[in-house]
Amino acid sequence: MKKEIQQLTEGERRVYKLMANFHENDEIAEILHCSRGTVKAHVSSILKKLCVYSRAEAVIAGLKLGILELDNIHIRERVVF
C-alpha cells in the first residue's frame, strides 16, 4: 500500500530535480539564485513529505512513485581522493 504523499511546492520541485541530479546545496542555491538556507529548508521539506531520511532515499522514492524519471537523472563523475 502506497503512503499518501503531500504535494511538493514549485520551489521544492525545482530543488528536488537538481538534488536528484547530485547537486549539492551550494550548487542548487547558485543555480536557482536563492540562499543556501532556502535550499536546506526545501530539502528538509522534501524528505519529510516523502517520508524518507536521505537524499538517496528521496531519489529512489521519486523513481518508484513516478515523480522522477530515470531518463532525467544525469550521473556526474566525481573524483574522490
Protein backbone atom coordinates (compact mmCIF):
# COMPACT_ATOMS: atom_id res chain seq x y z
CA MET A 1 0.00 0.00 0.00
CA LYS A 2 1.47 3.37 -1.06
CA LYS A 3 1.73 6.11 1.51
CA GLU A 4 -0.16 9.31 0.83
CA ILE A 5 2.33 11.97 -0.25
CA GLN A 6 1.87 15.67 0.25
CA GLN A 7 2.12 17.78 -2.88
CA LEU A 8 5.53 19.38 -3.44
CA THR A 9 5.58 23.13 -3.97
CA GLU A 10 7.04 24.61 -7.16
CA GLY A 11 10.23 25.59 -5.27
CA GLU A 12 10.55 22.10 -3.77
CA ARG A 13 10.12 20.52 -7.22
CA ARG A 14 12.93 22.65 -8.66
CA VAL A 15 15.24 21.77 -5.76
CA TYR A 16 14.21 18.09 -5.97
CA LYS A 17 15.16 17.82 -9.65
CA LEU A 18 18.59 19.33 -9.00
CA MET A 19 19.03 17.25 -5.85
CA ALA A 20 18.21 14.11 -7.85
CA ASN A 21 20.99 15.06 -10.25
CA PHE A 22 23.51 15.04 -7.39
CA HIS A 23 23.87 18.80 -6.98
CA GLU A 24 24.86 19.92 -3.50
CA ASN A 25 23.01 22.66 -1.62
CA ASP A 26 25.54 25.36 -2.55
CA GLU A 27 25.26 24.48 -6.23
CA ILE A 28 21.46 24.42 -6.09
CA ALA A 29 21.39 27.83 -4.39
CA GLU A 30 23.63 29.28 -7.09
CA ILE A 31 21.61 27.76 -9.95
CA LEU A 32 18.26 28.89 -8.51
CA HIS A 33 19.57 32.27 -7.27
CA CYS A 34 18.44 31.72 -3.71
CA SER A 35 20.09 31.27 -0.32
CA ARG A 36 21.57 28.03 1.00
CA GLY A 37 19.09 28.29 3.86
CA THR A 38 16.19 28.26 1.41
CA VAL A 39 17.59 25.18 -0.32
CA LYS A 40 18.17 23.44 3.01
CA ALA A 41 14.57 24.18 4.06
CA HIS A 42 13.24 22.79 0.75
CA VAL A 43 15.38 19.64 1.06
CA SER A 44 14.13 19.06 4.62
CA SER A 45 10.53 19.55 3.49
CA ILE A 46 11.01 17.16 0.54
CA LEU A 47 12.42 14.45 2.79
CA LYS A 48 9.57 14.90 5.27
CA LYS A 49 6.87 14.82 2.58
CA LEU A 50 8.36 11.68 1.00
CA CYS A 51 8.76 10.05 4.45
CA VAL A 52 12.46 9.36 3.88
CA TYR A 53 15.68 10.19 5.73
CA SER A 54 18.24 10.81 2.98
CA ARG A 55 18.67 12.28 -0.49
CA ALA A 56 19.33 8.81 -1.90
CA GLU A 57 16.06 7.51 -0.44
CA ALA A 58 14.28 10.58 -1.86
CA VAL A 59 15.55 9.79 -5.36
CA ILE A 60 14.55 6.13 -5.08
CA ALA A 61 11.10 7.12 -3.76
CA GLY A 62 10.69 9.61 -6.61
CA LEU A 63 11.50 6.95 -9.18
CA LYS A 64 9.13 4.42 -7.60
CA LEU A 65 6.30 6.94 -7.33
CA GLY A 66 6.78 8.34 -10.82
CA ILE A 67 7.75 11.81 -9.58
CA LEU A 68 11.18 11.45 -11.20
CA GLU A 69 12.13 9.72 -14.44
CA LEU A 70 15.39 7.83 -14.81
CA ASP A 71 15.98 9.46 -18.21
CA ASN A 72 16.13 12.86 -16.49
CA ILE A 73 18.77 11.88 -13.94
CA HIS A 74 22.31 12.58 -15.08
CA ILE A 75 25.09 10.97 -13.08
CA ARG A 76 28.05 13.31 -12.72
CA GLU A 77 31.53 11.92 -12.45
CA ARG A 78 33.23 12.75 -9.16
CA VAL A 79 36.86 12.42 -8.25
CA VAL A 80 37.36 11.17 -4.70
CA PHE A 81 40.77 11.21 -3.02
